[in-house]
Amino acid sequence: MLSETAKRGVYPLHGNKLGLYRVPVEITDKAEISGIMNDLKSSGFTMSTHADRIYVTYKWTEKGVDHVTGEDLSVEFNITVEIVTGEVVDLIYQIRQIEYFGDPYWVKNYRQTADKNAKMVIDTIIRNTKIGDKLIAHYQKSEKLNLEQAIKKLEELTPLAKNPKPRSATAPPPPAGPSAAPKPAQVPPAMPSPAAPAAGGTTISLSGTGTSYSKVEGPIDVGFKSKRQVVGQYMGINVWGPVDAPGQLGIWGDNVCVDFDICVADGACIEACPVNVYEWLETPGHPASDKKAFMIRQKDCIFCLACENVCPPQAIKIFQKAG
């Protein structure tokens, strides 16, 4: 199957070739731009950023043999995809003339290979980052698709993606280990008391019919405990409503509190925490991000406030224990 990007033209530009693909999603927040770069770190690309643009470069080596001398030959090529963020996202790439890389006269099909690699980079960007999350939400809203159909459409759009990010229309099971929770109950019980959570209890589901929500801007409401109620738990962590999964998830935690509706999965809090309070929790279908910084070890918090201070959307509030 051809990538959807392959259907876009490749146009002449001063002896080079230019490819353009426009994605109907909005990326304007600096935290979202940082999140895109973080999501692409494991793909092996070289990245840089300037203002509202991200430059993603893929390098590859072609090898051959000189038919006269028998000498082994090699040349390193590269292709850069420019992500232009804004009210829509443009993905642009330029195929340079082969002479830019020296005189590799022996290389065959350079332009075709460069074009395919550029489309692989584009598919990886769309599939593995926030752009894909927003595109799923766009499909759900504009084409009236359910979450499963929207995910399938994204997968069909990006068949060339490198190490494609898995997405699921159902909630993931809790991780194995001593802190693993029993299977979530289908119906939440009456409001539990925040002061006495059931150990390992899970009554909150991460899937549901709440798909019409949009991203909530920060900062977290520091007075939420006087305005909200605990509506359930996830692995023993209290969840303050309202909750209408997957699009509305509320505020999680008692001492280490994260507004999951604001969290954009930047990852700064996970990197900053010296005692490993957080781990990633998959939240497919949420408009702000499809994973959240989950305070699974909030009892280990030393109240250094490092996570609160580095969170770009200000989604975190730390409450020090009394006494």
C-alpha atoms as a PDB file:
ATOM      1  CA  MET A   1       0.000   0.000   0.000  1.00  0.00           C
ATOM      2  CA  LEU A   2       1.301   3.420  -0.884  1.00  0.00           C
ATOM      3  CA  SER A   3       1.612   6.014   1.826  1.00  0.00           C
ATOM      4  CA  GLU A   4      -1.032   8.715   1.629  1.00  0.00           C
ATOM      5  CA  THR A   5       1.877  11.139   1.309  1.00  0.00           C
ATOM      6  CA  ALA A   6       2.892   9.409  -1.913  1.00  0.00           C
ATOM      7  CA  LYS A   7      -0.288  10.727  -3.495  1.00  0.00           C
ATOM      8  CA  ARG A   8       0.979  14.282  -3.072  1.00  0.00           C
ATOM      9  CA  GLY A   9       2.989  15.713  -5.946  1.00  0.00           C
ATOM     10  CA  VAL A  10       6.742  16.159  -5.940  1.00  0.00           C
ATOM     11  CA  TYR A  11       7.372  19.511  -7.525  1.00  0.00           C
ATOM     12  CA  PRO A  12      10.482  21.053  -9.159  1.00  0.00           C
ATOM     13  CA  LEU A  13      12.248  23.739  -7.152  1.00  0.00           C
ATOM     14  CA  HIS A  14      15.475  25.243  -8.557  1.00  0.00           C
ATOM     15  CA  GLY A  15      16.797  21.936  -9.838  1.00  0.00           C
ATOM     16  CA  ASN A  16      15.854  20.103  -6.651  1.00  0.00           C
ATOM     17  CA  LYS A  17      12.591  18.390  -5.737  1.00  0.00           C
ATOM     18  CA  LEU A  18      10.085  19.523  -3.126  1.00  0.00           C
ATOM     19  CA  GLY A  19       7.409  17.442  -1.423  1.00  0.00           C
ATOM     20  CA  LEU A  20       4.583  18.932   0.655  1.00  0.00           C
ATOM     21  CA  TYR A  21       1.963  17.296   2.859  1.00  0.00           C
ATOM     22  CA  ARG A  22      -0.582  19.294   4.901  1.00  0.00           C
ATOM     23  CA  VAL A  23      -2.188  17.835   8.035  1.00  0.00           C
ATOM     24  CA  PRO A  24      -5.457  19.436   9.252  1.00  0.00           C
ATOM     25  CA  VAL A  25      -4.470  19.712  12.920  1.00  0.00           C
ATOM     26  CA  GLU A  26      -3.319  22.614  15.083  1.00  0.00           C
ATOM     27  CA  ILE A  27       0.040  22.563  16.879  1.00  0.00           C
ATOM     28  CA  THR A  28       0.837  25.925  18.483  1.00  0.00           C
ATOM     29  CA  ASP A  29       1.751  25.183  22.098  1.00  0.00           C
ATOM     30  CA  LYS A  30       5.485  25.058  22.889  1.00  0.00           C
ATOM     31  CA  ALA A  31       4.921  22.029  25.096  1.00  0.00           C
ATOM     32  CA  GLU A  32       3.341  20.206  22.161  1.00  0.00           C
ATOM     33  CA  ILE A  33       6.333  21.045  19.966  1.00  0.00           C
ATOM     34  CA  SER A  34       8.687  19.700  22.645  1.00  0.00           C
ATOM     35  CA  GLY A  35       6.481  16.627  22.987  1.00  0.00           C
ATOM     36  CA  ILE A  36       6.786  15.881  19.263  1.00  0.00           C
ATOM     37  CA  MET A  37      10.575  15.924  19.539  1.00  0.00           C
ATOM     38  CA  ASN A  38      10.467  13.678  22.617  1.00  0.00           C
ATOM     39  CA  ASP A  39       8.213  11.188  20.838  1.00  0.00           C
ATOM     40  CA  LEU A  40      10.664  10.971  17.929  1.00  0.00           C
ATOM     41  CA  LYS A  41      13.808  10.431  20.037  1.00  0.00           C
ATOM     42  CA  SER A  42      13.586   6.646  19.765  1.00  0.00           C
ATOM     43  CA  SER A  43      13.307   6.736  15.954  1.00  0.00           C
ATOM     44  CA  GLY A  44      17.002   7.455  15.404  1.00  0.00           C
ATOM     45  CA  PHE A  45      16.479  10.728  13.560  1.00  0.00           C
ATOM     46  CA  THR A  46      18.596  13.850  14.009  1.00  0.00           C
ATOM     47  CA  MET A  47      16.449  16.773  15.129  1.00  0.00           C
ATOM     48  CA  SER A  48      16.683  20.503  15.653  1.00  0.00           C
ATOM     49  CA  THR A  49      14.151  23.256  16.159  1.00  0.00           C
ATOM     50  CA  HIS A  50      13.828  26.954  15.457  1.00  0.00           C
ATOM     51  CA  ALA A  51      10.833  29.057  16.474  1.00  0.00           C
ATOM     52  CA  ASP A  52       7.742  27.185  15.267  1.00  0.00           C
ATOM     53  CA  ARG A  53       9.630  24.667  13.130  1.00  0.00           C
ATOM     54  CA  ILE A  54      11.145  21.250  13.758  1.00  0.00           C
ATOM     55  CA  TYR A  55      13.741  19.758  11.407  1.00  0.00           C
ATOM     56  CA  VAL A  56      13.869  15.961  11.296  1.00  0.00           C
ATOM     57  CA  THR A  57      16.786  14.417   9.367  1.00  0.00           C
ATOM     58  CA  TYR A  58      17.222  10.798   8.316  1.00  0.00           C
ATOM     59  CA  LYS A  59      20.646   9.570   7.171  1.00  0.00           C
ATOM     60  CA  TRP A  60      21.510   6.470   5.175  1.00  0.00           C
ATOM     61  CA  THR A  61      24.577   5.033   3.447  1.00  0.00           C
ATOM     62  CA  GLU A  62      24.796   3.661  -0.084  1.00  0.00           C
ATOM     63  CA  LYS A  63      27.603   1.225  -0.931  1.00  0.00           C
ATOM     64  CA  GLY A  64      28.978   0.065  -4.237  1.00  0.00           C
ATOM     65  CA  VAL A  65      32.098  -1.024  -6.121  1.00  0.00           C
ATOM     66  CA  ASP A  66      34.121   0.927  -8.687  1.00  0.00           C
ATOM     67  CA  HIS A  67      33.740  -1.120 -11.855  1.00  0.00           C
ATOM     68  CA  VAL A  68      37.218  -0.065 -13.035  1.00  0.00           C
ATOM     69  CA  THR A  69      39.399  -0.347  -9.928  1.00  0.00           C
ATOM     70  CA  GLY A  70      37.273  -2.748  -7.890  1.00  0.00           C
ATOM     71  CA  GLU A  71      37.495  -0.341  -4.949  1.00  0.00           C
ATOM     72  CA  ASP A  72      34.706  -0.365  -2.390  1.00  0.00           C
ATOM     73  CA  LEU A  73      32.708   2.854  -2.496  1.00  0.00           C
ATOM     74  CA  SER A  74      30.280   4.427  -0.054  1.00  0.00           C
ATOM     75  CA  VAL A  75      28.452   7.723   0.330  1.00  0.00           C
ATOM     76  CA  GLU A  76      26.240   9.059   3.096  1.00  0.00           C
ATOM     77  CA  PHE A  77      22.980  10.697   2.060  1.00  0.00           C
ATOM     78  CA  ASN A  78      20.399  12.528   4.127  1.00  0.00           C
ATOM     79  CA  ILE A  79      16.886  13.881   3.774  1.00  0.00           C
ATOM     80  CA  THR A  80      15.272  16.458   6.068  1.00  0.00           C
ATOM     81  CA  VAL A  81      11.558  16.867   6.732  1.00  0.00           C
ATOM     82  CA  GLU A  82      10.565  20.284   8.047  1.00  0.00           C
ATOM     83  CA  ILE A  83       7.557  20.377  10.370  1.00  0.00           C
ATOM     84  CA  VAL A  84       5.937  23.795  10.157  1.00  0.00           C
ATOM     85  CA  THR A  85       3.566  24.095  13.110  1.00  0.00           C
ATOM     86  CA  GLY A  86       0.620  26.439  13.418  1.00  0.00           C
ATOM     87  CA  GLU A  87      -3.134  26.333  12.849  1.00  0.00           C
ATOM     88  CA  VAL A  88      -2.363  23.584  10.341  1.00  0.00           C
ATOM     89  CA  VAL A  89       0.799  21.470  10.150  1.00  0.00           C
ATOM     90  CA  ASP A  90       2.860  21.404   6.956  1.00  0.00           C
ATOM     91  CA  LEU A  91       5.419  18.640   6.416  1.00  0.00           C
ATOM     92  CA  ILE A  92       7.928  19.670   3.755  1.00  0.00           C
ATOM     93  CA  TYR A  93      10.952  17.902   2.313  1.00  0.00           C
ATOM     94  CA  GLN A  94      13.484  18.791  -0.356  1.00  0.00           C
ATOM     95  CA  ILE A  95      15.454  16.267  -2.400  1.00  0.00           C
ATOM     96  CA  ARG A  96      18.824  17.782  -3.235  1.00  0.00           C
ATOM     97  CA  GLN A  97      20.668  17.068  -6.443  1.00  0.00           C
ATOM     98  CA  ILE A  98      23.015  14.108  -6.050  1.00  0.00           C
ATOM     99  CA  GLU A  99      26.020  16.370  -6.734  1.00  0.00           C
ATOM    100  CA  TYR A 100      25.436  17.951  -3.334  1.00  0.00           C
ATOM    101  CA  PHE A 101      26.928  14.806  -1.783  1.00  0.00           C
ATOM    102  CA  GLY A 102      30.061  14.741  -3.967  1.00  0.00           C
ATOM    103  CA  ASP A 103      30.364  12.686  -7.147  1.00  0.00           C
ATOM    104  CA  PRO A 104      28.632   9.350  -6.404  1.00  0.00           C
ATOM    105  CA  TYR A 105      28.076   8.607 -10.090  1.00  0.00           C
ATOM    106  CA  TRP A 106      27.695   4.910  -9.308  1.00  0.00           C
ATOM    107  CA  VAL A 107      24.579   5.296  -7.117  1.00  0.00           C
ATOM    108  CA  LYS A 108      21.369   4.129  -8.765  1.00  0.00           C
ATOM    109  CA  ASN A 109      17.846   5.441  -8.083  1.00  0.00           C
ATOM    110  CA  TYR A 110      18.985   8.125  -5.630  1.00  0.00           C
ATOM    111  CA  ARG A 111      15.891  10.309  -6.071  1.00  0.00           C
ATOM    112  CA  GLN A 112      13.468   7.409  -5.634  1.00  0.00           C
ATOM    113  CA  THR A 113      15.256   6.264  -2.485  1.00  0.00           C
ATOM    114  CA  ALA A 114      15.345   9.789  -1.056  1.00  0.00           C
ATOM    115  CA  ASP A 115      11.652  10.259  -1.816  1.00  0.00           C
ATOM    116  CA  LYS A 116      10.724   6.969  -0.123  1.00  0.00           C
ATOM    117  CA  ASN A 117      12.852   7.807   2.934  1.00  0.00           C
ATOM    118  CA  ALA A 118      11.252  11.243   3.210  1.00  0.00           C
ATOM    119  CA  LYS A 119       7.808   9.649   3.178  1.00  0.00           C
ATOM    120  CA  MET A 120       8.947   7.158   5.814  1.00  0.00           C
ATOM    121  CA  VAL A 121       9.974  10.097   8.029  1.00  0.00           C
ATOM    122  CA  ILE A 122       6.632  11.842   7.436  1.00  0.00           C
ATOM    123  CA  ASP A 123       4.662   8.696   8.241  1.00  0.00           C
ATOM    124  CA  THR A 124       6.707   8.215  11.425  1.00  0.00           C
ATOM    125  CA  ILE A 125       6.098  11.820  12.487  1.00  0.00           C
ATOM    126  CA  ILE A 126       2.352  11.524  11.969  1.00  0.00           C
ATOM    127  CA  ARG A 127       1.982   8.040  13.453  1.00  0.00           C
ATOM    128  CA  ASN A 128       4.205   8.384  16.534  1.00  0.00           C
ATOM    129  CA  THR A 129       3.515  11.901  17.830  1.00  0.00           C
ATOM    130  CA  LYS A 130       0.849  14.265  19.033  1.00  0.00           C
ATOM    131  CA  ILE A 131       0.050  15.005  15.399  1.00  0.00           C
ATOM    132  CA  GLY A 132      -1.388  11.496  15.092  1.00  0.00           C
ATOM    133  CA  ASP A 133      -3.397  11.925  18.292  1.00  0.00           C
ATOM    134  CA  LYS A 134      -4.967  15.097  16.961  1.00  0.00           C
ATOM    135  CA  LEU A 135      -5.571  13.551  13.566  1.00  0.00           C
ATOM    136  CA  ILE A 136      -7.518  10.739  15.230  1.00  0.00           C
ATOM    137  CA  ALA A 137      -9.652  13.333  17.036  1.00  0.00           C
ATOM    138  CA  HIS A 138     -10.111  15.177  13.726  1.00  0.00           C
ATOM    139  CA  TYR A 139     -11.358  11.993  12.041  1.00  0.00           C
ATOM    140  CA  GLN A 140     -13.758  11.315  14.895  1.00  0.00           C
ATOM    141  CA  LYS A 141     -15.233  14.789  14.701  1.00  0.00           C
ATOM    142  CA  SER A 142     -15.227  15.518  10.968  1.00  0.00           C
ATOM    143  CA  GLU A 143     -16.040  12.028   9.680  1.00  0.00           C
ATOM    144  CA  LYS A 144     -18.112  10.814  12.639  1.00  0.00           C
ATOM    145  CA  LEU A 145     -15.835   7.803  13.174  1.00  0.00           C
ATOM    146  CA  ASN A 146     -15.551   5.923  16.434  1.00  0.00           C
ATOM    147  CA  LEU A 147     -12.141   5.634  18.079  1.00  0.00           C
ATOM    148  CA  GLU A 148     -11.367   2.215  16.592  1.00  0.00           C
ATOM    149  CA  GLN A 149     -12.215   3.386  13.056  1.00  0.00           C
ATOM    150  CA  ALA A 150     -10.159   6.574  13.473  1.00  0.00           C
ATOM    151  CA  ILE A 151      -7.122   4.598  14.671  1.00  0.00           C
ATOM    152  CA  LYS A 152      -7.448   2.230  11.713  1.00  0.00           C
ATOM    153  CA  LYS A 153      -7.592   5.179   9.309  1.00  0.00           C
ATOM    154  CA  LEU A 154      -4.429   6.644  10.848  1.00  0.00           C
ATOM    155  CA  GLU A 155      -2.655   3.296  10.454  1.00  0.00           C
ATOM    156  CA  GLU A 156      -3.703   3.098   6.794  1.00  0.00           C
ATOM    157  CA  LEU A 157      -2.456   6.659   6.277  1.00  0.00           C
ATOM    158  CA  THR A 158       1.028   5.891   7.642  1.00  0.00           C
ATOM    159  CA  PRO A 159       2.126   2.417   6.450  1.00  0.00           C
ATOM    160  CA  LEU A 160       5.794   3.457   6.142  1.00  0.00           C
ATOM    161  CA  ALA A 161       6.130   4.530   9.793  1.00  0.00           C
ATOM    162  CA  LYS A 162       9.301   3.374  11.547  1.00  0.00           C
ATOM    163  CA  ASN A 163       8.631   1.552  14.856  1.00  0.00           C
ATOM    164  CA  PRO A 164       4.930   2.499  14.673  1.00  0.00           C
ATOM    165  CA  LYS A 165       3.357   3.538  17.925  1.00  0.00           C
ATOM    166  CA  PRO A 166       0.659   1.080  19.038  1.00  0.00           C
ATOM    167  CA  ARG A 167      -2.754   2.516  19.738  1.00  0.00           C
ATOM    168  CA  SER A 168      -5.766   0.744  21.162  1.00  0.00           C
ATOM    169  CA  ALA A 169      -9.425   1.634  21.400  1.00  0.00           C
ATOM    170  CA  THR A 170      -9.631  -0.270  24.703  1.00  0.00           C
ATOM    171  CA  ALA A 171      -8.076   0.546  28.064  1.00  0.00           C
ATOM    172  CA  PRO A 172      -4.713  -1.179  28.743  1.00  0.00           C
ATOM    173  CA  PRO A 173      -4.431  -3.671  31.610  1.00  0.00           C
ATOM    174  CA  PRO A 174      -2.578  -2.530  34.757  1.00  0.00           C
ATOM    175  CA  PRO A 175       1.127  -3.473  34.820  1.00  0.00           C
ATOM    176  CA  ALA A 176       2.252  -6.703  36.451  1.00  0.00           C
ATOM    177  CA  GLY A 177       4.054  -6.663  39.774  1.00  0.00           C
ATOM    178  CA  PRO A 178       3.346  -6.109  43.466  1.00  0.00           C
ATOM    179  CA  SER A 179       1.347  -2.962  42.757  1.00  0.00           C
ATOM    180  CA  ALA A 180      -0.828  -4.562  40.041  1.00  0.00           C
ATOM    181  CA  ALA A 181      -4.524  -3.979  40.467  1.00  0.00           C
ATOM    182  CA  PRO A 182      -7.443  -6.342  40.019  1.00  0.00           C
ATOM    183  CA  LYS A 183      -9.475  -6.052  36.835  1.00  0.00           C
ATOM    184  CA  PRO A 184     -11.483  -2.804  36.682  1.00  0.00           C
ATOM    185  CA  ALA A 185     -15.081  -3.064  37.723  1.00  0.00           C
ATOM    186  CA  GLN A 186     -17.568  -2.055  35.079  1.00  0.00           C
ATOM    187  CA  VAL A 187     -19.633   0.180  37.393  1.00  0.00           C
ATOM    188  CA  PRO A 188     -17.957   2.585  39.845  1.00  0.00           C
ATOM    189  CA  PRO A 189     -19.158   2.391  43.441  1.00  0.00           C
ATOM    190  CA  ALA A 190     -20.442   5.331  45.444  1.00  0.00           C
ATOM    191  CA  MET A 191     -17.987   8.130  46.197  1.00  0.00           C
ATOM    192  CA  PRO A 192     -15.116   6.758  48.354  1.00  0.00           C
ATOM    193  CA  SER A 193     -13.463   8.842  50.998  1.00  0.00           C
ATOM    194  CA  PRO A 194     -10.214  10.462  49.812  1.00  0.00           C
ATOM    195  CA  ALA A 195      -8.630   9.765  53.182  1.00  0.00           C
ATOM    196  CA  ALA A 196      -8.933   5.999  52.983  1.00  0.00           C
ATOM    197  CA  PRO A 197      -8.317   4.594  49.488  1.00  0.00           C
ATOM    198  CA  ALA A 198      -8.636   0.857  49.035  1.00  0.00           C
ATOM    199  CA  ALA A 199      -5.184  -0.624  48.479  1.00  0.00           C
ATOM    200  CA  GLY A 200      -4.641  -1.364  44.817  1.00  0.00           C
ATOM    201  CA  GLY A 201      -8.279  -0.506  44.044  1.00  0.00           C
ATOM    202  CA  THR A 202      -9.304   0.238  40.463  1.00  0.00           C
ATOM    203  CA  THR A 203     -12.802   1.453  39.645  1.00  0.00           C
ATOM    204  CA  ILE A 204     -11.981   4.000  36.909  1.00  0.00           C
ATOM    205  CA  SER A 205     -11.976   2.860  33.283  1.00  0.00           C
ATOM    206  CA  LEU A 206      -9.840   4.623  30.675  1.00  0.00           C
ATOM    207  CA  SER A 207     -12.238   3.818  27.847  1.00  0.00           C
ATOM    208  CA  GLY A 208     -15.784   4.862  27.206  1.00  0.00           C
ATOM    209  CA  THR A 209     -18.038   7.025  25.054  1.00  0.00           C
ATOM    210  CA  GLY A 210     -16.698  10.465  25.998  1.00  0.00           C
ATOM    211  CA  THR A 211     -15.092  11.348  22.665  1.00  0.00           C
ATOM    212  CA  SER A 212     -16.363  14.908  22.117  1.00  0.00           C
ATOM    213  CA  TYR A 213     -13.888  16.725  24.377  1.00  0.00           C
ATOM    214  CA  SER A 214     -11.077  19.069  23.389  1.00  0.00           C
ATOM    215  CA  LYS A 215      -7.803  19.876  25.142  1.00  0.00           C
ATOM    216  CA  VAL A 216      -7.996  21.860  28.396  1.00  0.00           C
ATOM    217  CA  GLU A 217      -5.454  24.621  28.961  1.00  0.00           C
ATOM    218  CA  GLY A 218      -3.478  24.919  32.218  1.00  0.00           C
ATOM    219  CA  PRO A 219      -2.758  25.695  34.923  1.00  0.00           C
ATOM    220  CA  ILE A 220      -4.304  23.137  37.259  1.00  0.00           C
ATOM    221  CA  ASP A 221      -6.924  24.541  39.654  1.00  0.00           C
ATOM    222  CA  VAL A 222      -5.037  24.433  42.966  1.00  0.00           C
ATOM    223  CA  GLY A 223      -8.334  24.615  44.863  1.00  0.00           C
ATOM    224  CA  PHE A 224      -9.842  21.598  43.145  1.00  0.00           C
ATOM    225  CA  LYS A 225     -10.209  19.582  46.369  1.00  0.00           C
ATOM    226  CA  SER A 226     -12.873  21.992  47.631  1.00  0.00           C
ATOM    227  CA  LYS A 227     -14.716  21.958  44.291  1.00  0.00           C
ATOM    228  CA  ARG A 228     -14.524  18.331  43.148  1.00  0.00           C
ATOM    229  CA  GLN A 229     -15.254  14.922  44.571  1.00  0.00           C
ATOM    230  CA  VAL A 230     -13.391  11.635  44.335  1.00  0.00           C
ATOM    231  CA  VAL A 231     -15.292   9.501  41.832  1.00  0.00           C
ATOM    232  CA  GLY A 232     -13.137   6.388  41.932  1.00  0.00           C
ATOM    233  CA  GLN A 233      -9.618   4.996  41.957  1.00  0.00           C
ATOM    234  CA  TYR A 234      -7.032   3.613  39.592  1.00  0.00           C
ATOM    235  CA  MET A 235      -4.507   1.259  41.208  1.00  0.00           C
ATOM    236  CA  GLY A 236      -5.221   2.856  44.569  1.00  0.00           C
ATOM    237  CA  ILE A 237      -4.814   6.436  43.324  1.00  0.00           C
ATOM    238  CA  ASN A 238      -7.833   8.679  43.899  1.00  0.00           C
ATOM    239  CA  VAL A 239      -9.409  10.298  40.843  1.00  0.00           C
ATOM    240  CA  TRP A 240     -11.269  13.593  41.224  1.00  0.00           C
ATOM    241  CA  GLY A 241     -14.107  14.023  38.735  1.00  0.00           C
ATOM    242  CA  PRO A 242     -15.813  14.705  36.553  1.00  0.00           C
ATOM    243  CA  VAL A 243     -14.651  11.737  34.465  1.00  0.00           C
ATOM    244  CA  ASP A 244     -16.069  10.777  31.064  1.00  0.00           C
ATOM    245  CA  ALA A 245     -13.427   8.571  29.449  1.00  0.00           C
ATOM    246  CA  PRO A 246     -11.571   8.629  27.190  1.00  0.00           C
ATOM    247  CA  GLY A 247     -11.906  12.377  26.563  1.00  0.00           C
ATOM    248  CA  GLN A 248     -12.283  13.659  30.148  1.00  0.00           C
ATOM    249  CA  LEU A 249     -10.183  12.070  32.888  1.00  0.00           C
ATOM    250  CA  GLY A 250     -10.195  14.541  35.789  1.00  0.00           C
ATOM    251  CA  ILE A 251      -7.440  15.198  38.334  1.00  0.00           C
ATOM    252  CA  TRP A 252      -5.477  12.263  39.766  1.00  0.00           C
ATOM    253  CA  GLY A 253      -3.700  11.939  43.128  1.00  0.00           C
ATOM    254  CA  ASP A 254      -3.890  13.299  46.667  1.00  0.00           C
ATOM    255  CA  ASN A 255      -0.369  14.586  47.421  1.00  0.00           C
ATOM    256  CA  VAL A 256       1.072  14.388  43.921  1.00  0.00           C
ATOM    257  CA  CYS A 257      -1.757  15.687  41.760  1.00  0.00           C
ATOM    258  CA  VAL A 258      -1.865  15.834  37.963  1.00  0.00           C
ATOM    259  CA  ASP A 259      -4.741  17.224  35.935  1.00  0.00           C
ATOM    260  CA  PHE A 260      -4.921  14.552  33.235  1.00  0.00           C
ATOM    261  CA  ASP A 261      -7.046  16.829  31.051  1.00  0.00           C
ATOM    262  CA  ILE A 262      -4.184  19.364  30.928  1.00  0.00           C
ATOM    263  CA  CYS A 263      -1.217  16.932  30.789  1.00  0.00           C
ATOM    264  CA  VAL A 264       0.378  16.827  27.305  1.00  0.00           C
ATOM    265  CA  ALA A 265       2.852  13.994  28.021  1.00  0.00           C
ATOM    266  CA  ASP A 266       5.877  16.271  27.782  1.00  0.00           C
ATOM    267  CA  GLY A 267       7.790  13.931  30.103  1.00  0.00           C
ATOM    268  CA  ALA A 268       9.659  16.692  31.948  1.00  0.00           C
ATOM    269  CA  CYS A 269       8.182  15.624  35.288  1.00  0.00           C
ATOM    270  CA  ILE A 270       9.283  12.006  34.841  1.00  0.00           C
ATOM    271  CA  GLU A 271      12.831  13.115  34.034  1.00  0.00           C
ATOM    272  CA  ALA A 272      12.950  15.651  36.898  1.00  0.00           C
ATOM    273  CA  CYS A 273      11.622  13.440  39.723  1.00  0.00           C
ATOM    274  CA  PRO A 274      14.583  12.188  41.835  1.00  0.00           C
ATOM    275  CA  VAL A 275      12.594   9.361  43.469  1.00  0.00           C
ATOM    276  CA  ASN A 276      10.782   7.931  40.429  1.00  0.00           C
ATOM    277  CA  VAL A 277       7.239   8.783  41.518  1.00  0.00           C
ATOM    278  CA  TYR A 278       5.838   8.747  37.978  1.00  0.00           C
ATOM    279  CA  GLU A 279       5.492   6.253  35.174  1.00  0.00           C
ATOM    280  CA  TRP A 280       3.660   6.484  31.854  1.00  0.00           C
ATOM    281  CA  LEU A 281       0.010   5.434  31.710  1.00  0.00           C
ATOM    282  CA  GLU A 282      -1.551   4.927  28.279  1.00  0.00           C
ATOM    283  CA  THR A 283      -4.730   6.995  27.791  1.00  0.00           C
ATOM    284  CA  PRO A 284      -5.716   6.411  24.150  1.00  0.00           C
ATOM    285  CA  GLY A 285      -8.309   8.796  22.785  1.00  0.00           C
ATOM    286  CA  HIS A 286      -7.624  11.705  25.143  1.00  0.00           C
ATOM    287  CA  PRO A 287      -7.448  15.026  23.251  1.00  0.00           C
ATOM    288  CA  ALA A 288      -4.425  16.414  25.130  1.00  0.00           C
ATOM    289  CA  SER A 289      -2.209  13.301  24.894  1.00  0.00           C
ATOM    290  CA  ASP A 290      -2.570   9.551  24.670  1.00  0.00           C
ATOM    291  CA  LYS A 291      -0.414   8.923  27.720  1.00  0.00           C
ATOM    292  CA  LYS A 292      -0.141  10.607  31.121  1.00  0.00           C
ATOM    293  CA  ALA A 293       2.402  10.953  33.921  1.00  0.00           C
ATOM    294  CA  PHE A 294       0.870   8.584  36.476  1.00  0.00           C
ATOM    295  CA  MET A 295       1.875   9.131  40.130  1.00  0.00           C
ATOM    296  CA  ILE A 296       1.893   5.412  40.922  1.00  0.00           C
ATOM    297  CA  ARG A 297       4.488   5.903  43.692  1.00  0.00           C
ATOM    298  CA  GLN A 298       3.151   9.156  45.182  1.00  0.00           C
ATOM    299  CA  LYS A 299       3.895   7.813  48.684  1.00  0.00           C
ATOM    300  CA  ASP A 300       7.616   8.145  47.825  1.00  0.00           C
ATOM    301  CA  CYS A 301       7.341  11.879  47.040  1.00  0.00           C
ATOM    302  CA  ILE A 302       9.909  14.008  48.914  1.00  0.00           C
ATOM    303  CA  PHE A 303       8.082  17.276  48.076  1.00  0.00           C
ATOM    304  CA  CYS A 304      11.013  18.819  46.223  1.00  0.00           C
ATOM    305  CA  LEU A 305       8.529  20.381  43.731  1.00  0.00           C
ATOM    306  CA  ALA A 306      10.858  19.613  40.810  1.00  0.00           C
ATOM    307  CA  CYS A 307       8.030  18.118  38.741  1.00  0.00           C
ATOM    308  CA  GLU A 308       5.665  20.985  39.504  1.00  0.00           C
ATOM    309  CA  ASN A 309       8.253  23.548  38.466  1.00  0.00           C
ATOM    310  CA  VAL A 310       9.177  21.958  35.112  1.00  0.00           C
ATOM    311  CA  CYS A 311       5.699  21.024  33.836  1.00  0.00           C
ATOM    312  CA  PRO A 312       5.158  23.165  30.684  1.00  0.00           C
ATOM    313  CA  PRO A 313       1.325  23.262  30.827  1.00  0.00           C
ATOM    314  CA  GLN A 314       1.360  23.588  34.665  1.00  0.00           C
ATOM    315  CA  ALA A 315      -0.722  20.466  35.130  1.00  0.00           C
ATOM    316  CA  ILE A 316       0.869  19.427  38.469  1.00  0.00           C
ATOM    317  CA  LYS A 317       0.217  20.508  42.075  1.00  0.00           C
ATOM    318  CA  ILE A 318       2.112  19.010  45.036  1.00  0.00           C
ATOM    319  CA  PHE A 319       0.387  19.051  48.445  1.00  0.00           C
ATOM    320  CA  GLN A 320       2.768  18.349  51.326  1.00  0.00           C
ATOM    321  CA  LYS A 321       1.416  15.982  53.939  1.00  0.00           C
ATOM    322  CA  ALA A 322       0.313  17.629  57.155  1.00  0.00           C
ATOM    323  CA  GLY A 323       2.461  16.876  60.182  1.00  0.00           C
END
